[in-house]
N, C-alpha and C. Protein backbone atom coordinates (compact mmCIF):
# COMPACT_ATOMS: atom_id res chain seq x y z
N UNK A 1 74.07 102.63 117.89
CA UNK A 1 73.05 103.63 118.16
C UNK A 1 71.97 103.47 117.10
N UNK A 2 71.09 102.56 117.27
CA UNK A 2 70.07 102.30 116.28
C UNK A 2 68.93 103.32 116.41
N UNK A 3 68.96 104.29 115.53
CA UNK A 3 67.91 105.30 115.54
C UNK A 3 67.73 105.82 114.13
N UNK A 4 66.51 106.12 113.75
CA UNK A 4 66.25 106.72 112.45
C UNK A 4 66.32 108.23 112.54
N UNK A 5 66.50 108.76 113.73
CA UNK A 5 66.56 110.19 113.96
C UNK A 5 67.99 110.66 113.78
N UNK A 6 68.34 111.04 112.56
CA UNK A 6 69.70 111.49 112.28
C UNK A 6 69.86 112.92 112.77
N UNK A 7 71.00 113.20 113.35
CA UNK A 7 71.25 114.47 114.02
C UNK A 7 72.43 115.22 113.41
N UNK A 8 72.44 116.51 113.66
CA UNK A 8 73.63 117.32 113.43
C UNK A 8 74.40 117.29 114.73
N UNK A 9 75.60 116.77 114.68
CA UNK A 9 76.41 116.59 115.89
C UNK A 9 77.70 117.39 115.73
N UNK A 10 77.98 118.21 116.73
CA UNK A 10 79.21 118.98 116.80
C UNK A 10 80.03 118.41 117.95
N UNK A 11 81.29 118.12 117.70
CA UNK A 11 82.10 117.44 118.72
C UNK A 11 83.45 118.13 118.86
N UNK A 12 83.91 118.24 120.10
CA UNK A 12 85.22 118.83 120.39
C UNK A 12 85.80 118.15 121.62
N UNK A 13 87.12 118.23 121.73
CA UNK A 13 87.80 117.60 122.87
C UNK A 13 89.05 118.39 123.20
N UNK A 14 89.77 117.88 124.17
CA UNK A 14 91.14 118.33 124.38
C UNK A 14 92.05 117.18 123.97
N UNK A 15 93.33 117.32 124.22
CA UNK A 15 94.29 116.29 123.82
C UNK A 15 94.08 114.96 124.54
N UNK A 16 93.58 114.99 125.77
CA UNK A 16 93.38 113.77 126.54
C UNK A 16 92.27 112.89 125.98
N UNK A 17 91.39 113.48 125.19
CA UNK A 17 90.24 112.74 124.67
C UNK A 17 90.29 112.57 123.15
N UNK A 18 91.43 112.82 122.55
CA UNK A 18 91.53 112.78 121.09
C UNK A 18 91.19 111.40 120.53
N UNK A 19 91.61 110.34 121.19
CA UNK A 19 91.34 108.98 120.70
C UNK A 19 89.86 108.65 120.83
N UNK A 20 89.24 108.98 121.96
CA UNK A 20 87.81 108.73 122.13
C UNK A 20 87.02 109.55 121.13
N UNK A 21 87.43 110.79 120.91
CA UNK A 21 86.73 111.65 119.93
C UNK A 21 86.77 111.02 118.55
N UNK A 22 87.92 110.55 118.12
CA UNK A 22 88.04 109.94 116.79
C UNK A 22 87.13 108.71 116.66
N UNK A 23 87.10 107.91 117.70
CA UNK A 23 86.25 106.72 117.70
C UNK A 23 84.77 107.11 117.62
N UNK A 24 84.36 108.11 118.39
CA UNK A 24 82.96 108.52 118.39
C UNK A 24 82.57 109.22 117.09
N UNK A 25 83.47 110.00 116.50
CA UNK A 25 83.19 110.62 115.19
C UNK A 25 82.91 109.54 114.16
N UNK A 26 83.77 108.53 114.12
CA UNK A 26 83.57 107.42 113.17
C UNK A 26 82.25 106.70 113.44
N UNK A 27 81.99 106.41 114.69
CA UNK A 27 80.76 105.71 115.08
C UNK A 27 79.51 106.51 114.67
N UNK A 28 79.52 107.79 114.95
CA UNK A 28 78.37 108.64 114.63
C UNK A 28 78.16 108.77 113.12
N UNK A 29 79.24 108.91 112.39
CA UNK A 29 79.13 109.00 110.93
C UNK A 29 78.63 107.70 110.33
N UNK A 30 79.11 106.58 110.85
CA UNK A 30 78.63 105.27 110.39
C UNK A 30 77.13 105.13 110.62
N UNK A 31 76.64 105.77 111.66
CA UNK A 31 75.22 105.71 111.99
C UNK A 31 74.40 106.73 111.19
N UNK A 32 75.08 107.51 110.34
CA UNK A 32 74.37 108.42 109.45
C UNK A 32 74.20 109.83 109.94
N UNK A 33 74.79 110.16 111.07
CA UNK A 33 74.69 111.52 111.59
C UNK A 33 75.63 112.45 110.83
N UNK A 34 75.26 113.72 110.77
CA UNK A 34 76.09 114.76 110.17
C UNK A 34 77.00 115.29 111.27
N UNK A 35 78.28 114.93 111.23
CA UNK A 35 79.21 115.22 112.33
C UNK A 35 80.24 116.25 111.89
N UNK A 36 80.40 117.28 112.71
CA UNK A 36 81.46 118.27 112.51
C UNK A 36 82.43 118.17 113.67
N UNK A 37 83.68 117.84 113.36
CA UNK A 37 84.74 117.74 114.36
C UNK A 37 85.40 119.10 114.49
N UNK A 38 85.25 119.72 115.64
CA UNK A 38 85.79 121.06 115.89
C UNK A 38 87.20 121.04 116.45
N UNK A 39 87.80 119.86 116.52
CA UNK A 39 89.19 119.77 116.95
C UNK A 39 89.34 119.35 118.39
N UNK A 40 90.60 119.22 118.73
CA UNK A 40 91.82 119.43 117.96
C UNK A 40 92.07 118.27 117.00
N UNK A 41 93.06 118.47 116.13
CA UNK A 41 93.35 117.48 115.10
C UNK A 41 94.46 116.51 115.48
N UNK A 42 95.16 116.76 116.57
CA UNK A 42 96.26 115.89 116.95
C UNK A 42 96.45 115.86 118.45
N UNK A 43 97.44 115.08 118.91
CA UNK A 43 97.62 114.87 120.35
C UNK A 43 98.42 115.95 121.09
N UNK A 44 98.82 117.02 120.42
CA UNK A 44 99.55 118.08 121.12
C UNK A 44 98.68 118.69 122.21
N UNK A 45 99.30 119.05 123.31
CA UNK A 45 98.58 119.62 124.44
C UNK A 45 97.83 120.89 124.05
N UNK A 46 96.56 120.95 124.42
CA UNK A 46 95.71 122.12 124.18
C UNK A 46 94.95 122.43 125.46
N UNK A 47 94.31 123.58 125.49
CA UNK A 47 93.52 123.99 126.65
C UNK A 47 92.05 123.69 126.41
N UNK A 48 91.45 122.85 127.27
CA UNK A 48 90.05 122.46 127.09
C UNK A 48 89.08 123.64 127.05
N UNK A 49 89.31 124.75 127.78
CA UNK A 49 88.34 125.85 127.68
C UNK A 49 88.20 126.38 126.25
N UNK A 50 89.32 126.42 125.51
CA UNK A 50 89.26 126.92 124.13
C UNK A 50 88.30 126.10 123.29
N UNK A 51 88.36 124.79 123.45
CA UNK A 51 87.49 123.91 122.66
C UNK A 51 86.08 123.85 123.23
N UNK A 52 85.93 124.01 124.53
CA UNK A 52 84.59 124.09 125.12
C UNK A 52 83.85 125.32 124.65
N UNK A 53 84.54 126.46 124.63
CA UNK A 53 83.91 127.71 124.16
C UNK A 53 83.58 127.61 122.67
N UNK A 54 84.49 127.05 121.89
CA UNK A 54 84.26 126.88 120.45
C UNK A 54 83.03 126.01 120.20
N UNK A 55 82.92 124.91 120.95
CA UNK A 55 81.77 124.02 120.81
C UNK A 55 80.49 124.73 121.22
N UNK A 56 80.51 125.46 122.32
CA UNK A 56 79.32 126.16 122.79
C UNK A 56 78.83 127.17 121.76
N UNK A 57 79.74 127.93 121.18
CA UNK A 57 79.36 128.90 120.15
C UNK A 57 78.74 128.20 118.95
N UNK A 58 79.32 127.09 118.54
CA UNK A 58 78.81 126.36 117.38
C UNK A 58 77.43 125.76 117.66
N UNK A 59 77.22 125.20 118.86
CA UNK A 59 75.91 124.64 119.21
C UNK A 59 74.87 125.76 119.24
N UNK A 60 75.21 126.88 119.84
CA UNK A 60 74.27 128.01 119.93
C UNK A 60 73.91 128.55 118.55
N UNK A 61 74.82 128.46 117.60
CA UNK A 61 74.60 129.00 116.26
C UNK A 61 73.96 128.00 115.30
N UNK A 62 73.74 126.75 115.76
CA UNK A 62 73.23 125.70 114.89
C UNK A 62 71.95 125.12 115.51
N UNK A 63 70.79 125.65 115.12
CA UNK A 63 69.54 125.16 115.70
C UNK A 63 69.38 123.64 115.57
N UNK A 64 69.03 123.01 116.67
CA UNK A 64 68.79 121.57 116.69
C UNK A 64 70.03 120.72 116.81
N UNK A 65 71.21 121.32 116.83
CA UNK A 65 72.45 120.55 116.93
C UNK A 65 72.62 119.99 118.34
N UNK A 66 73.30 118.87 118.40
CA UNK A 66 73.70 118.26 119.66
C UNK A 66 75.21 118.38 119.75
N UNK A 67 75.71 118.79 120.90
CA UNK A 67 77.14 118.89 121.11
C UNK A 67 77.66 117.72 121.92
N UNK A 68 78.90 117.32 121.62
CA UNK A 68 79.59 116.30 122.38
C UNK A 68 80.92 116.90 122.82
N UNK A 69 81.11 117.01 124.12
CA UNK A 69 82.30 117.64 124.71
C UNK A 69 83.10 116.58 125.46
N UNK A 70 84.38 116.48 125.15
CA UNK A 70 85.23 115.45 125.75
C UNK A 70 86.53 116.06 126.26
N UNK A 71 86.93 115.64 127.43
CA UNK A 71 88.27 115.95 127.93
C UNK A 71 88.65 114.79 128.85
N UNK A 72 89.75 114.91 129.56
CA UNK A 72 90.20 113.81 130.40
C UNK A 72 89.15 113.35 131.40
N UNK A 73 88.60 114.29 132.15
CA UNK A 73 87.57 113.96 133.14
C UNK A 73 86.16 114.33 132.68
N UNK A 74 86.06 115.21 131.69
CA UNK A 74 84.77 115.74 131.26
C UNK A 74 84.35 116.96 132.07
N UNK A 75 84.98 117.18 133.18
CA UNK A 75 84.58 118.27 134.07
C UNK A 75 84.93 119.63 133.48
N UNK A 76 86.19 119.82 133.14
CA UNK A 76 86.64 121.12 132.68
C UNK A 76 85.91 121.60 131.43
N UNK A 77 85.80 120.72 130.44
CA UNK A 77 85.15 121.14 129.20
C UNK A 77 83.66 121.39 129.42
N UNK A 78 83.04 120.64 130.33
CA UNK A 78 81.62 120.88 130.60
C UNK A 78 81.41 122.23 131.28
N UNK A 79 82.32 122.62 132.15
CA UNK A 79 82.24 123.94 132.78
C UNK A 79 82.35 125.02 131.71
N UNK A 80 83.30 124.86 130.79
CA UNK A 80 83.49 125.85 129.72
C UNK A 80 82.23 125.97 128.86
N UNK A 81 81.66 124.85 128.45
CA UNK A 81 80.46 124.88 127.61
C UNK A 81 79.32 125.56 128.34
N UNK A 82 79.16 125.28 129.61
CA UNK A 82 78.05 125.84 130.39
C UNK A 82 78.17 127.34 130.65
N UNK A 83 79.26 127.94 130.30
CA UNK A 83 79.38 129.40 130.41
C UNK A 83 78.49 130.10 129.38
N UNK A 84 78.11 129.39 128.32
CA UNK A 84 77.27 129.98 127.28
C UNK A 84 75.80 129.83 127.69
N UNK A 85 75.04 130.91 127.69
CA UNK A 85 73.65 130.83 128.17
C UNK A 85 72.73 129.97 127.32
N UNK A 86 73.11 129.66 126.08
CA UNK A 86 72.27 128.82 125.23
C UNK A 86 72.64 127.35 125.29
N UNK A 87 73.58 127.00 126.14
CA UNK A 87 74.02 125.61 126.25
C UNK A 87 73.70 125.05 127.63
N UNK A 88 73.23 123.82 127.61
CA UNK A 88 73.01 123.06 128.83
C UNK A 88 73.80 121.78 128.65
N UNK A 89 74.98 121.75 129.24
CA UNK A 89 75.91 120.64 129.07
C UNK A 89 75.86 119.76 130.32
N UNK A 90 75.64 118.48 130.10
CA UNK A 90 75.56 117.53 131.20
C UNK A 90 76.72 116.55 131.14
N UNK A 91 77.48 116.47 132.21
CA UNK A 91 78.55 115.49 132.35
C UNK A 91 77.92 114.17 132.75
N UNK A 92 78.12 113.14 131.94
CA UNK A 92 77.50 111.85 132.20
C UNK A 92 78.55 110.74 132.19
N UNK A 93 78.21 109.63 132.85
CA UNK A 93 79.13 108.49 132.88
C UNK A 93 78.41 107.18 132.62
N UNK A 94 77.10 107.24 132.48
CA UNK A 94 76.31 106.04 132.17
C UNK A 94 74.99 106.48 131.54
N UNK A 95 74.28 105.57 130.90
CA UNK A 95 73.08 105.93 130.13
C UNK A 95 71.95 106.57 130.93
N UNK A 96 71.76 106.21 132.18
CA UNK A 96 70.67 106.81 132.95
C UNK A 96 70.87 108.31 133.11
N UNK A 97 72.07 108.75 133.45
CA UNK A 97 72.30 110.19 133.59
C UNK A 97 72.17 110.88 132.24
N UNK A 98 72.54 110.22 131.15
CA UNK A 98 72.38 110.80 129.81
C UNK A 98 70.89 110.97 129.49
N UNK A 99 70.08 109.97 129.82
CA UNK A 99 68.65 110.05 129.56
C UNK A 99 68.00 111.16 130.40
N UNK A 100 68.34 111.22 131.67
CA UNK A 100 67.75 112.24 132.54
C UNK A 100 68.18 113.65 132.16
N UNK A 101 69.41 113.79 131.66
CA UNK A 101 69.88 115.10 131.21
C UNK A 101 69.01 115.64 130.08
N UNK A 102 68.59 114.77 129.20
CA UNK A 102 67.72 115.18 128.09
C UNK A 102 66.28 115.37 128.59
N UNK A 103 65.78 114.38 129.32
CA UNK A 103 64.37 114.38 129.72
C UNK A 103 64.03 115.52 130.68
N UNK A 104 64.87 115.76 131.66
CA UNK A 104 64.57 116.76 132.69
C UNK A 104 65.19 118.13 132.42
N UNK A 105 66.38 118.14 131.79
CA UNK A 105 67.13 119.39 131.66
C UNK A 105 67.24 119.90 130.24
N UNK A 106 66.68 119.18 129.28
CA UNK A 106 66.77 119.55 127.87
C UNK A 106 68.22 119.87 127.48
N UNK A 107 69.15 119.05 127.98
CA UNK A 107 70.57 119.25 127.68
C UNK A 107 70.78 119.16 126.17
N UNK A 108 71.58 120.08 125.64
CA UNK A 108 71.89 120.04 124.22
C UNK A 108 73.37 119.71 123.98
N UNK A 109 74.10 119.49 125.05
CA UNK A 109 75.50 119.06 124.96
C UNK A 109 75.71 117.96 126.00
N UNK A 110 76.37 116.89 125.58
CA UNK A 110 76.74 115.81 126.48
C UNK A 110 78.25 115.84 126.64
N UNK A 111 78.72 115.74 127.88
CA UNK A 111 80.16 115.72 128.17
C UNK A 111 80.52 114.39 128.80
N UNK A 112 81.70 113.91 128.43
CA UNK A 112 82.20 112.66 129.00
C UNK A 112 83.71 112.77 129.21
N UNK A 113 84.21 112.02 130.18
CA UNK A 113 85.63 112.00 130.49
C UNK A 113 86.31 110.79 129.88
N UNK A 114 87.24 111.03 128.98
CA UNK A 114 87.92 109.94 128.27
C UNK A 114 88.74 109.05 129.21
N UNK A 115 89.21 109.61 130.31
CA UNK A 115 89.99 108.82 131.26
C UNK A 115 89.11 108.04 132.23
N UNK A 116 87.80 108.28 132.17
CA UNK A 116 86.88 107.68 133.13
C UNK A 116 85.83 106.77 132.50
N UNK A 117 85.69 106.82 131.21
CA UNK A 117 84.62 106.08 130.54
C UNK A 117 85.22 105.34 129.35
N UNK A 118 84.80 104.12 129.13
CA UNK A 118 85.29 103.35 127.99
C UNK A 118 84.48 103.65 126.74
N UNK A 119 85.00 103.24 125.60
CA UNK A 119 84.31 103.51 124.33
C UNK A 119 82.89 102.96 124.25
N UNK A 120 82.67 101.75 124.73
CA UNK A 120 81.33 101.16 124.65
C UNK A 120 80.34 101.90 125.54
N UNK A 121 80.79 102.31 126.73
CA UNK A 121 79.91 103.07 127.62
C UNK A 121 79.64 104.45 127.02
N UNK A 122 80.63 105.06 126.40
CA UNK A 122 80.43 106.35 125.74
C UNK A 122 79.38 106.23 124.64
N UNK A 123 79.45 105.17 123.86
CA UNK A 123 78.45 104.93 122.80
C UNK A 123 77.07 104.73 123.41
N UNK A 124 76.99 104.01 124.51
CA UNK A 124 75.70 103.77 125.17
C UNK A 124 75.13 105.09 125.71
N UNK A 125 75.98 105.95 126.24
CA UNK A 125 75.52 107.25 126.72
C UNK A 125 74.98 108.09 125.57
N UNK A 126 75.68 108.10 124.44
CA UNK A 126 75.20 108.83 123.27
C UNK A 126 73.86 108.28 122.80
N UNK A 127 73.73 106.97 122.77
CA UNK A 127 72.47 106.36 122.32
C UNK A 127 71.31 106.80 123.21
N UNK A 128 71.51 106.78 124.52
CA UNK A 128 70.45 107.20 125.45
C UNK A 128 70.14 108.68 125.29
N UNK A 129 71.17 109.49 125.14
CA UNK A 129 71.01 110.94 124.98
C UNK A 129 70.21 111.25 123.72
N UNK A 130 70.56 110.61 122.61
CA UNK A 130 69.90 110.86 121.33
C UNK A 130 68.47 110.35 121.31
N UNK A 131 68.21 109.25 122.00
CA UNK A 131 66.90 108.62 121.96
C UNK A 131 65.87 109.28 122.87
N UNK A 132 66.30 110.15 123.76
CA UNK A 132 65.41 110.71 124.76
C UNK A 132 64.97 112.13 124.40
N UNK A 133 63.68 112.35 124.31
CA UNK A 133 63.20 113.72 124.08
C UNK A 133 63.10 114.48 125.40
N UNK A 134 63.04 115.79 125.31
CA UNK A 134 62.81 116.62 126.49
C UNK A 134 61.41 116.34 127.00
N UNK A 135 61.27 116.16 128.30
CA UNK A 135 59.99 115.83 128.91
C UNK A 135 59.10 117.01 129.18
N UNK A 136 59.51 118.21 128.83
CA UNK A 136 58.73 119.40 129.11
C UNK A 136 57.36 119.39 128.48
N UNK A 137 57.25 118.85 127.28
CA UNK A 137 55.97 118.84 126.58
C UNK A 137 54.95 117.92 127.25
N UNK A 138 55.43 116.84 127.87
CA UNK A 138 54.49 115.90 128.49
C UNK A 138 54.30 116.14 129.99
N UNK A 139 55.01 117.11 130.50
CA UNK A 139 54.94 117.45 131.93
C UNK A 139 53.78 118.41 132.16
N UNK A 140 52.65 117.91 132.61
CA UNK A 140 51.45 118.73 132.75
C UNK A 140 51.63 119.89 133.74
N UNK A 141 52.53 119.76 134.67
CA UNK A 141 52.76 120.82 135.64
C UNK A 141 53.74 121.87 135.13
N UNK A 142 54.39 121.59 134.00
CA UNK A 142 55.33 122.54 133.44
C UNK A 142 56.62 122.69 134.23
N UNK A 143 56.88 121.78 135.16
CA UNK A 143 58.02 121.95 136.05
C UNK A 143 59.36 121.85 135.32
N UNK A 144 59.47 120.93 134.34
CA UNK A 144 60.75 120.79 133.64
C UNK A 144 61.04 122.04 132.80
N UNK A 145 60.05 122.52 132.05
CA UNK A 145 60.26 123.70 131.23
C UNK A 145 60.55 124.92 132.09
N UNK A 146 59.83 125.06 133.19
CA UNK A 146 60.06 126.19 134.10
C UNK A 146 61.49 126.18 134.62
N UNK A 147 61.98 125.02 134.97
CA UNK A 147 63.34 124.90 135.50
C UNK A 147 64.38 125.15 134.42
N UNK A 148 64.15 124.63 133.22
CA UNK A 148 65.09 124.86 132.11
C UNK A 148 65.15 126.34 131.77
N UNK A 149 64.00 127.01 131.79
CA UNK A 149 63.99 128.45 131.53
C UNK A 149 64.88 129.21 132.50
N UNK A 150 64.89 128.78 133.74
CA UNK A 150 65.71 129.44 134.76
C UNK A 150 67.20 129.17 134.58
N UNK A 151 67.55 128.08 133.92
CA UNK A 151 68.97 127.79 133.70
C UNK A 151 69.63 128.84 132.82
N UNK A 152 68.91 129.32 131.82
CA UNK A 152 69.46 130.34 130.92
C UNK A 152 69.14 131.75 131.36
N UNK A 153 68.23 131.89 132.29
CA UNK A 153 67.79 133.21 132.75
C UNK A 153 67.74 133.24 134.28
N UNK A 154 68.88 133.33 134.94
CA UNK A 154 68.91 133.26 136.41
C UNK A 154 68.04 134.31 137.09
N UNK A 155 67.75 135.41 136.40
CA UNK A 155 66.93 136.47 137.04
C UNK A 155 65.51 135.97 137.32
N UNK A 156 65.10 134.87 136.68
CA UNK A 156 63.77 134.33 136.92
C UNK A 156 63.73 133.37 138.11
N UNK A 157 64.89 133.03 138.61
CA UNK A 157 64.95 132.13 139.75
C UNK A 157 64.43 132.84 141.00
N UNK A 158 63.77 132.09 141.84
CA UNK A 158 63.23 132.65 143.08
C UNK A 158 64.12 132.21 144.24
N UNK A 159 64.12 133.00 145.28
CA UNK A 159 64.85 132.66 146.49
C UNK A 159 64.21 131.40 147.09
N UNK A 160 65.01 130.36 147.34
CA UNK A 160 64.44 129.14 147.95
C UNK A 160 63.80 129.45 149.30
N UNK A 161 62.74 128.73 149.60
CA UNK A 161 62.03 128.93 150.87
C UNK A 161 62.82 128.42 152.03
């Protein structure tokens, strides 16, 4: 992940993703990022919602932080993270979806499934996610920012035509 933009990264997983989490923590630290591992610390069975909620709270409380959520499929933990109104968690499996999650949705948490994605692809997804800014500032029509605002504030959503 060749970038001079060092980040505060908060990472959590369930037991199914403990090995991928350890690999990504090491990779991110080697790249100079400030990484906080929110657990779990071992392979004993845990419930992914507990770690998804913990990660969401930490991301919401840490301005500018990026969250990394991992479980077997990535689905369960991403659902848990997205329960927090200040989190926009995108489940990705390749760099294009990681880039679009940042550019269009201003995602602040990336989720991946350890049973579905290999270590090199996970690193590539992180690289794309970190390298991509939110496109709201360059969107002259304001469509990306308008849509992101509605993600955290459903009352602003309009009935589809």
